Amino acid sequence: IVLPGIAAVILAPDLAKPDEAYPTMMRLLPPGLLG
């Protein structure tokens, strides 16, 4: 729960709100795994 948020600093540095970090990281998932 913390590491994906830190990773978002590199992968999504311009988020409007910090709480968008985890849902944004879920976009990396392919279909099936995302589900």
PDB file of all heavy atoms in Angstrom:
ATOM      1  N   ILE A   1       0.782  -1.236   0.000  1.00  0.00           N
ATOM      2  CA  ILE A   1       0.000   0.000   0.000  1.00  0.00           C
ATOM      3  C   ILE A   1       0.814   1.285   0.000  1.00  0.00           C
ATOM      4  O   ILE A   1       0.258   2.350  -0.296  1.00  0.00           O
ATOM      5  CB  ILE A   1      -0.989   0.025   1.192  1.00  0.00           C
ATOM      6  CG1 ILE A   1      -0.233  -0.086   2.520  1.00  0.00           C
ATOM      7  CG2 ILE A   1      -2.023  -1.068   1.052  1.00  0.00           C
ATOM      8  CD1 ILE A   1      -1.159  -0.069   3.726  1.00  0.00           C
ATOM      9  N   VAL A   2       2.101   1.235   0.328  1.00  0.00           N
ATOM     10  CA  VAL A   2       2.919   2.458   0.320  1.00  0.00           C
ATOM     11  C   VAL A   2       3.802   2.518  -0.923  1.00  0.00           C
ATOM     12  O   VAL A   2       3.921   3.567  -1.566  1.00  0.00           O
ATOM     13  CB  VAL A   2       3.784   2.554   1.596  1.00  0.00           C
ATOM     14  CG1 VAL A   2       4.666   3.805   1.548  1.00  0.00           C
ATOM     15  CG2 VAL A   2       2.901   2.579   2.835  1.00  0.00           C
ATOM     16  N   LEU A   3       4.417   1.390  -1.275  1.00  0.00           N
ATOM     17  CA  LEU A   3       5.341   1.365  -2.407  1.00  0.00           C
ATOM     18  C   LEU A   3       4.705   1.835  -3.721  1.00  0.00           C
ATOM     19  O   LEU A   3       5.338   2.603  -4.460  1.00  0.00           O
ATOM     20  CB  LEU A   3       5.924  -0.039  -2.553  1.00  0.00           C
ATOM     21  CG  LEU A   3       7.141  -0.181  -3.487  1.00  0.00           C
ATOM     22  CD1 LEU A   3       8.273   0.733  -3.035  1.00  0.00           C
ATOM     23  CD2 LEU A   3       7.603  -1.631  -3.531  1.00  0.00           C
ATOM     24  N   PRO A   4       3.461   1.432  -4.060  1.00  0.00           N
ATOM     25  CA  PRO A   4       2.868   1.964  -5.294  1.00  0.00           C
ATOM     26  C   PRO A   4       2.738   3.483  -5.288  1.00  0.00           C
ATOM     27  O   PRO A   4       2.887   4.122  -6.338  1.00  0.00           O
ATOM     28  CB  PRO A   4       1.488   1.281  -5.336  1.00  0.00           C
ATOM     29  CG  PRO A   4       1.678   0.013  -4.577  1.00  0.00           C
ATOM     30  CD  PRO A   4       2.616   0.369  -3.468  1.00  0.00           C
ATOM     31  N   GLY A   5       2.466   4.083  -4.120  1.00  0.00           N
ATOM     32  CA  GLY A   5       2.386   5.535  -4.039  1.00  0.00           C
ATOM     33  C   GLY A   5       3.726   6.200  -4.295  1.00  0.00           C
ATOM     34  O   GLY A   5       3.807   7.233  -4.972  1.00  0.00           O
ATOM     35  N   ILE A   6       4.804   5.609  -3.754  1.00  0.00           N
ATOM     36  CA  ILE A   6       6.137   6.153  -3.999  1.00  0.00           C
ATOM     37  C   ILE A   6       6.503   5.995  -5.475  1.00  0.00           C
ATOM     38  O   ILE A   6       7.084   6.903  -6.091  1.00  0.00           O
ATOM     39  CB  ILE A   6       7.176   5.458  -3.104  1.00  0.00           C
ATOM     40  CG1 ILE A   6       6.830   5.656  -1.626  1.00  0.00           C
ATOM     41  CG2 ILE A   6       8.570   5.995  -3.391  1.00  0.00           C
ATOM     42  CD1 ILE A   6       7.744   4.920  -0.669  1.00  0.00           C
ATOM     43  N   ALA A   7       6.157   4.844  -6.060  1.00  0.00           N
ATOM     44  CA  ALA A   7       6.431   4.622  -7.483  1.00  0.00           C
ATOM     45  C   ALA A   7       5.727   5.655  -8.353  1.00  0.00           C
ATOM     46  O   ALA A   7       6.250   6.066  -9.401  1.00  0.00           O
ATOM     47  CB  ALA A   7       6.006   3.212  -7.878  1.00  0.00           C
ATOM     48  N   ALA A   8       4.559   6.097  -7.922  1.00  0.00           N
ATOM     49  CA  ALA A   8       3.808   7.090  -8.700  1.00  0.00           C
ATOM     50  C   ALA A   8       4.530   8.425  -8.775  1.00  0.00           C
ATOM     51  O   ALA A   8       4.272   9.229  -9.685  1.00  0.00           O
ATOM     52  CB  ALA A   8       2.416   7.273  -8.088  1.00  0.00           C
ATOM     53  N   VAL A   9       5.431   8.687  -7.832  1.00  0.00           N
ATOM     54  CA  VAL A   9       6.227   9.924  -7.893  1.00  0.00           C
ATOM     55  C   VAL A   9       7.026   9.967  -9.191  1.00  0.00           C
ATOM     56  O   VAL A   9       7.219  11.029  -9.791  1.00  0.00           O
ATOM     57  CB  VAL A   9       7.175  10.013  -6.667  1.00  0.00           C
ATOM     58  CG1 VAL A   9       8.117  11.198  -6.794  1.00  0.00           C
ATOM     59  CG2 VAL A   9       6.372  10.089  -5.392  1.00  0.00           C
ATOM     60  N   ILE A  10       7.484   8.796  -9.648  1.00  0.00           N
ATOM     61  CA  ILE A  10       8.253   8.714 -10.897  1.00  0.00           C
ATOM     62  C   ILE A  10       7.340   8.515 -12.095  1.00  0.00           C
ATOM     63  O   ILE A  10       7.522   9.144 -13.137  1.00  0.00           O
ATOM     64  CB  ILE A  10       9.271   7.551 -10.820  1.00  0.00           C
ATOM     65  CG1 ILE A  10      10.154   7.692  -9.589  1.00  0.00           C
ATOM     66  CG2 ILE A  10      10.101   7.479 -12.095  1.00  0.00           C
ATOM     67  CD1 ILE A  10      10.927   8.985  -9.497  1.00  0.00           C
ATOM     68  N   LEU A  11       6.347   7.667 -11.944  1.00  0.00           N
ATOM     69  CA  LEU A  11       5.513   7.290 -13.084  1.00  0.00           C
ATOM     70  C   LEU A  11       4.372   8.272 -13.354  1.00  0.00           C
ATOM     71  O   LEU A  11       3.860   8.324 -14.477  1.00  0.00           O
ATOM     72  CB  LEU A  11       4.939   5.882 -12.856  1.00  0.00           C
ATOM     73  CG  LEU A  11       5.965   4.755 -12.723  1.00  0.00           C
ATOM     74  CD1 LEU A  11       5.270   3.441 -12.390  1.00  0.00           C
ATOM     75  CD2 LEU A  11       6.780   4.619 -14.001  1.00  0.00           C
ATOM     76  N   ALA A  12       3.957   9.025 -12.357  1.00  0.00           N
ATOM     77  CA  ALA A  12       2.857   9.993 -12.525  1.00  0.00           C
ATOM     78  C   ALA A  12       3.125  11.207 -11.643  1.00  0.00           C
ATOM     79  O   ALA A  12       2.444  11.417 -10.640  1.00  0.00           O
ATOM     80  CB  ALA A  12       1.528   9.339 -12.173  1.00  0.00           C
ATOM     81  N   PRO A  13       4.119  12.006 -11.968  1.00  0.00           N
ATOM     82  CA  PRO A  13       4.546  13.088 -11.075  1.00  0.00           C
ATOM     83  C   PRO A  13       3.596  14.277 -10.983  1.00  0.00           C
ATOM     84  O   PRO A  13       3.787  15.138 -10.119  1.00  0.00           O
ATOM     85  CB  PRO A  13       5.883  13.513 -11.685  1.00  0.00           C
ATOM     86  CG  PRO A  13       5.766  13.157 -13.136  1.00  0.00           C
ATOM     87  CD  PRO A  13       4.943  11.911 -13.183  1.00  0.00           C
ATOM     88  N   ASP A  14       2.596  14.345 -11.826  1.00  0.00           N
ATOM     89  CA  ASP A  14       1.745  15.538 -11.876  1.00  0.00           C
ATOM     90  C   ASP A  14       0.301  15.263 -11.446  1.00  0.00           C
ATOM     91  O   ASP A  14      -0.643  15.850 -11.990  1.00  0.00           O
ATOM     92  CB  ASP A  14       1.752  16.129 -13.295  1.00  0.00           C
ATOM     93  CG  ASP A  14       3.147  16.531 -13.728  1.00  0.00           C
ATOM     94  OD1 ASP A  14       3.872  17.124 -12.903  1.00  0.00           O
ATOM     95  OD2 ASP A  14       3.514  16.242 -14.886  1.00  0.00           O
ATOM     96  N   LEU A  15       0.102  14.403 -10.479  1.00  0.00           N
ATOM     97  CA  LEU A  15      -1.253  14.102 -10.017  1.00  0.00           C
ATOM     98  C   LEU A  15      -1.879  15.327  -9.342  1.00  0.00           C
ATOM     99  O   LEU A  15      -1.198  16.097  -8.660  1.00  0.00           O
ATOM    100  CB  LEU A  15      -1.232  12.941  -9.024  1.00  0.00           C
ATOM    101  CG  LEU A  15      -0.806  11.568  -9.572  1.00  0.00           C
ATOM    102  CD1 LEU A  15      -0.820  10.541  -8.450  1.00  0.00           C
ATOM    103  CD2 LEU A  15      -1.728  11.124 -10.705  1.00  0.00           C
ATOM    104  N   ALA A  16      -3.196  15.480  -9.525  1.00  0.00           N
ATOM    105  CA  ALA A  16      -3.894  16.604  -8.908  1.00  0.00           C
ATOM    106  C   ALA A  16      -3.975  16.437  -7.394  1.00  0.00           C
ATOM    107  O   ALA A  16      -3.858  17.409  -6.630  1.00  0.00           O
ATOM    108  CB  ALA A  16      -5.299  16.732  -9.497  1.00  0.00           C
ATOM    109  N   LYS A  17      -4.188  15.210  -6.936  1.00  0.00           N
ATOM    110  CA  LYS A  17      -4.262  14.899  -5.507  1.00  0.00           C
ATOM    111  C   LYS A  17      -3.437  13.657  -5.214  1.00  0.00           C
ATOM    112  O   LYS A  17      -3.432  12.714  -6.019  1.00  0.00           O
ATOM    113  CB  LYS A  17      -5.719  14.639  -5.070  1.00  0.00           C
ATOM    114  CG  LYS A  17      -6.552  15.876  -4.832  1.00  0.00           C
ATOM    115  CD  LYS A  17      -7.905  15.469  -4.225  1.00  0.00           C
ATOM    116  CE  LYS A  17      -8.721  16.676  -3.821  1.00  0.00           C
ATOM    117  NZ  LYS A  17      -9.975  16.283  -3.125  1.00  0.00           N
ATOM    118  N   PRO A  18      -2.756  13.621  -4.069  1.00  0.00           N
ATOM    119  CA  PRO A  18      -1.983  12.417  -3.722  1.00  0.00           C
ATOM    120  C   PRO A  18      -2.837  11.152  -3.693  1.00  0.00           C
ATOM    121  O   PRO A  18      -2.348  10.075  -4.054  1.00  0.00           O
ATOM    122  CB  PRO A  18      -1.429  12.753  -2.333  1.00  0.00           C
ATOM    123  CG  PRO A  18      -1.352  14.231  -2.289  1.00  0.00           C
ATOM    124  CD  PRO A  18      -2.537  14.705  -3.083  1.00  0.00           C
ATOM    125  N   ASP A  19      -4.117  11.268  -3.274  1.00  0.00           N
ATOM    126  CA  ASP A  19      -4.960  10.086  -3.166  1.00  0.00           C
ATOM    127  C   ASP A  19      -5.297   9.446  -4.512  1.00  0.00           C
ATOM    128  O   ASP A  19      -5.927   8.397  -4.563  1.00  0.00           O
ATOM    129  CB  ASP A  19      -6.261  10.428  -2.426  1.00  0.00           C
ATOM    130  CG  ASP A  19      -6.040  10.591  -0.929  1.00  0.00           C
ATOM    131  OD1 ASP A  19      -5.000  10.122  -0.432  1.00  0.00           O
ATOM    132  OD2 ASP A  19      -6.904  11.196  -0.255  1.00  0.00           O
ATOM    133  N   GLU A  20      -4.866  10.082  -5.620  1.00  0.00           N
ATOM    134  CA  GLU A  20      -5.072   9.486  -6.944  1.00  0.00           C
ATOM    135  C   GLU A  20      -3.947   8.519  -7.318  1.00  0.00           C
ATOM    136  O   GLU A  20      -4.000   7.884  -8.369  1.00  0.00           O
ATOM    137  CB  GLU A  20      -5.153  10.591  -8.007  1.00  0.00           C
ATOM    138  CG  GLU A  20      -6.368  11.501  -7.858  1.00  0.00           C
ATOM    139  CD  GLU A  20      -6.381  12.612  -8.901  1.00  0.00           C
ATOM    140  OE1 GLU A  20      -5.448  12.646  -9.735  1.00  0.00           O
ATOM    141  OE2 GLU A  20      -7.301  13.434  -8.870  1.00  0.00           O
ATOM    142  N   ALA A  21      -2.928   8.389  -6.439  1.00  0.00           N
ATOM    143  CA  ALA A  21      -1.731   7.613  -6.792  1.00  0.00           C
ATOM    144  C   ALA A  21      -2.055   6.150  -7.070  1.00  0.00           C
ATOM    145  O   ALA A  21      -1.653   5.594  -8.107  1.00  0.00           O
ATOM    146  CB  ALA A  21      -0.689   7.735  -5.683  1.00  0.00           C
ATOM    147  N   TYR A  22      -2.745   5.486  -6.149  1.00  0.00           N
ATOM    148  CA  TYR A  22      -2.982   4.049  -6.308  1.00  0.00           C
ATOM    149  C   TYR A  22      -3.867   3.746  -7.511  1.00  0.00           C
ATOM    150  O   TYR A  22      -3.518   2.863  -8.321  1.00  0.00           O
ATOM    151  CB  TYR A  22      -3.587   3.473  -5.029  1.00  0.00           C
ATOM    152  CG  TYR A  22      -3.559   1.957  -4.980  1.00  0.00           C
ATOM    153  CD1 TYR A  22      -2.441   1.283  -4.483  1.00  0.00           C
ATOM    154  CD2 TYR A  22      -4.629   1.198  -5.434  1.00  0.00           C
ATOM    155  CE1 TYR A  22      -2.392  -0.109  -4.444  1.00  0.00           C
ATOM    156  CE2 TYR A  22      -4.597  -0.193  -5.402  1.00  0.00           C
ATOM    157  CZ  TYR A  22      -3.473  -0.835  -4.901  1.00  0.00           C
ATOM    158  OH  TYR A  22      -3.423  -2.207  -4.872  1.00  0.00           O
ATOM    159  N   PRO A  23      -5.014   4.428  -7.668  1.00  0.00           N
ATOM    160  CA  PRO A  23      -5.821   4.147  -8.864  1.00  0.00           C
ATOM    161  C   PRO A  23      -5.048   4.399 -10.159  1.00  0.00           C
ATOM    162  O   PRO A  23      -5.232   3.675 -11.142  1.00  0.00           O
ATOM    163  CB  PRO A  23      -7.008   5.113  -8.721  1.00  0.00           C
ATOM    164  CG  PRO A  23      -7.109   5.370  -7.258  1.00  0.00           C
ATOM    165  CD  PRO A  23      -5.697   5.373  -6.763  1.00  0.00           C
ATOM    166  N   THR A  24      -4.170   5.421 -10.154  1.00  0.00           N
ATOM    167  CA  THR A  24      -3.381   5.707 -11.353  1.00  0.00           C
ATOM    168  C   THR A  24      -2.418   4.569 -11.656  1.00  0.00           C
ATOM    169  O   THR A  24      -2.209   4.197 -12.820  1.00  0.00           O
ATOM    170  CB  THR A  24      -2.607   7.023 -11.173  1.00  0.00           C
ATOM    171  OG1 THR A  24      -3.526   8.085 -10.920  1.00  0.00           O
ATOM    172  CG2 THR A  24      -1.804   7.353 -12.426  1.00  0.00           C
ATOM    173  N   MET A  25      -1.807   3.996 -10.636  1.00  0.00           N
ATOM    174  CA  MET A  25      -0.878   2.883 -10.845  1.00  0.00           C
ATOM    175  C   MET A  25      -1.598   1.642 -11.378  1.00  0.00           C
ATOM    176  O   MET A  25      -0.986   0.801 -12.045  1.00  0.00           O
ATOM    177  CB  MET A  25      -0.148   2.544  -9.546  1.00  0.00           C
ATOM    178  CG  MET A  25       0.837   3.599  -9.078  1.00  0.00           C
ATOM    179  SD  MET A  25       2.166   3.971 -10.280  1.00  0.00           S
ATOM    180  CE  MET A  25       1.469   5.363 -11.187  1.00  0.00           C
ATOM    181  N   MET A  26      -2.875   1.536 -11.100  1.00  0.00           N
ATOM    182  CA  MET A  26      -3.630   0.390 -11.605  1.00  0.00           C
ATOM    183  C   MET A  26      -3.754   0.424 -13.127  1.00  0.00           C
ATOM    184  O   MET A  26      -4.038  -0.597 -13.753  1.00  0.00           O
ATOM    185  CB  MET A  26      -5.010   0.337 -10.951  1.00  0.00           C
ATOM    186  CG  MET A  26      -4.968  -0.002  -9.463  1.00  0.00           C
ATOM    187  SD  MET A  26      -6.601  -0.038  -8.677  1.00  0.00           S
ATOM    188  CE  MET A  26      -7.320  -1.488  -9.442  1.00  0.00           C
ATOM    189  N   ARG A  27      -3.517   1.589 -13.726  1.00  0.00           N
ATOM    190  CA  ARG A  27      -3.602   1.690 -15.181  1.00  0.00           C
ATOM    191  C   ARG A  27      -2.498   0.903 -15.882  1.00  0.00           C
ATOM    192  O   ARG A  27      -2.582   0.663 -17.094  1.00  0.00           O
ATOM    193  CB  ARG A  27      -3.522   3.158 -15.601  1.00  0.00           C
ATOM    194  CG  ARG A  27      -4.703   3.989 -15.137  1.00  0.00           C
ATOM    195  CD  ARG A  27      -4.518   5.448 -15.476  1.00  0.00           C
ATOM    196  NE  ARG A  27      -5.619   6.258 -14.952  1.00  0.00           N
ATOM    197  CZ  ARG A  27      -5.641   7.581 -14.954  1.00  0.00           C
ATOM    198  NH1 ARG A  27      -4.622   8.254 -15.458  1.00  0.00           N
ATOM    199  NH2 ARG A  27      -6.671   8.234 -14.452  1.00  0.00           N
ATOM    200  N   LEU A  28      -1.470   0.534 -15.130  1.00  0.00           N
ATOM    201  CA  LEU A  28      -0.382  -0.256 -15.717  1.00  0.00           C
ATOM    202  C   LEU A  28      -0.790  -1.704 -15.970  1.00  0.00           C
ATOM    203  O   LEU A  28      -0.100  -2.422 -16.690  1.00  0.00           O
ATOM    204  CB  LEU A  28       0.840  -0.236 -14.791  1.00  0.00           C
ATOM    205  CG  LEU A  28       1.484   1.117 -14.500  1.00  0.00           C
ATOM    206  CD1 LEU A  28       2.563   0.969 -13.439  1.00  0.00           C
ATOM    207  CD2 LEU A  28       2.062   1.711 -15.781  1.00  0.00           C
ATOM    208  N   LEU A  29      -1.894  -2.111 -15.364  1.00  0.00           N
ATOM    209  CA  LEU A  29      -2.276  -3.521 -15.414  1.00  0.00           C
ATOM    210  C   LEU A  29      -2.954  -3.878 -16.736  1.00  0.00           C
ATOM    211  O   LEU A  29      -3.797  -3.132 -17.231  1.00  0.00           O
ATOM    212  CB  LEU A  29      -3.226  -3.848 -14.265  1.00  0.00           C
ATOM    213  CG  LEU A  29      -2.651  -3.685 -12.857  1.00  0.00           C
ATOM    214  CD1 LEU A  29      -3.763  -3.757 -11.823  1.00  0.00           C
ATOM    215  CD2 LEU A  29      -1.612  -4.756 -12.575  1.00  0.00           C
ATOM    216  N   PRO A  30      -2.619  -5.030 -17.299  1.00  0.00           N
ATOM    217  CA  PRO A  30      -3.304  -5.493 -18.503  1.00  0.00           C
ATOM    218  C   PRO A  30      -4.683  -6.045 -18.150  1.00  0.00           C
ATOM    219  O   PRO A  30      -4.965  -6.349 -16.988  1.00  0.00           O
ATOM    220  CB  PRO A  30      -2.380  -6.606 -19.008  1.00  0.00           C
ATOM    221  CG  PRO A  30      -1.722  -7.134 -17.774  1.00  0.00           C
ATOM    222  CD  PRO A  30      -1.538  -5.942 -16.877  1.00  0.00           C
ATOM    223  N   PRO A  31      -5.573  -6.186 -19.136  1.00  0.00           N
ATOM    224  CA  PRO A  31      -6.893  -6.767 -18.878  1.00  0.00           C
ATOM    225  C   PRO A  31      -6.764  -8.140 -18.221  1.00  0.00           C
ATOM    226  O   PRO A  31      -5.865  -8.909 -18.526  1.00  0.00           O
ATOM    227  CB  PRO A  31      -7.498  -6.862 -20.283  1.00  0.00           C
ATOM    228  CG  PRO A  31      -6.826  -5.774 -21.056  1.00  0.00           C
ATOM    229  CD  PRO A  31      -5.424  -5.731 -20.535  1.00  0.00           C
ATOM    230  N   GLY A  32      -7.658  -8.438 -17.343  1.00  0.00           N
ATOM    231  CA  GLY A  32      -7.599  -9.685 -16.589  1.00  0.00           C
ATOM    232  C   GLY A  32      -6.937  -9.456 -15.252  1.00  0.00           C
ATOM    233  O   GLY A  32      -7.565  -9.620 -14.202  1.00  0.00           O
ATOM    234  N   LEU A  33      -5.668  -9.020 -15.272  1.00  0.00           N
ATOM    235  CA  LEU A  33      -4.990  -8.671 -14.028  1.00  0.00           C
ATOM    236  C   LEU A  33      -5.620  -7.439 -13.396  1.00  0.00           C
ATOM    237  O   LEU A  33      -5.715  -7.339 -12.172  1.00  0.00           O
ATOM    238  CB  LEU A  33      -3.494  -8.425 -14.277  1.00  0.00           C
ATOM    239  CG  LEU A  33      -2.584  -9.645 -14.306  1.00  0.00           C
ATOM    240  CD1 LEU A  33      -1.140  -9.226 -14.526  1.00  0.00           C
ATOM    241  CD2 LEU A  33      -2.715 -10.438 -13.009  1.00  0.00           C
ATOM    242  N   LEU A  34      -6.038  -6.494 -14.240  1.00  0.00           N
ATOM    243  CA  LEU A  34      -6.722  -5.316 -13.711  1.00  0.00           C
ATOM    244  C   LEU A  34      -7.983  -5.742 -12.969  1.00  0.00           C
ATOM    245  O   LEU A  34      -8.277  -5.241 -11.879  1.00  0.00           O
ATOM    246  CB  LEU A  34      -7.079  -4.354 -14.840  1.00  0.00           C
ATOM    247  CG  LEU A  34      -7.922  -3.131 -14.439  1.00  0.00           C
ATOM    248  CD1 LEU A  34      -7.198  -2.301 -13.387  1.00  0.00           C
ATOM    249  CD2 LEU A  34      -8.247  -2.272 -15.661  1.00  0.00           C
ATOM    250  N   GLY A  35      -8.733  -6.670 -13.518  1.00  0.00           N
ATOM    251  CA  GLY A  35      -9.941  -7.145 -12.857  1.00  0.00           C
ATOM    252  C   GLY A  35      -9.627  -7.796 -11.524  1.00  0.00           C
ATOM    253  O   GLY A  35     -10.334  -7.607 -10.530  1.00  0.00           O
TER     254      GLY A  35
END
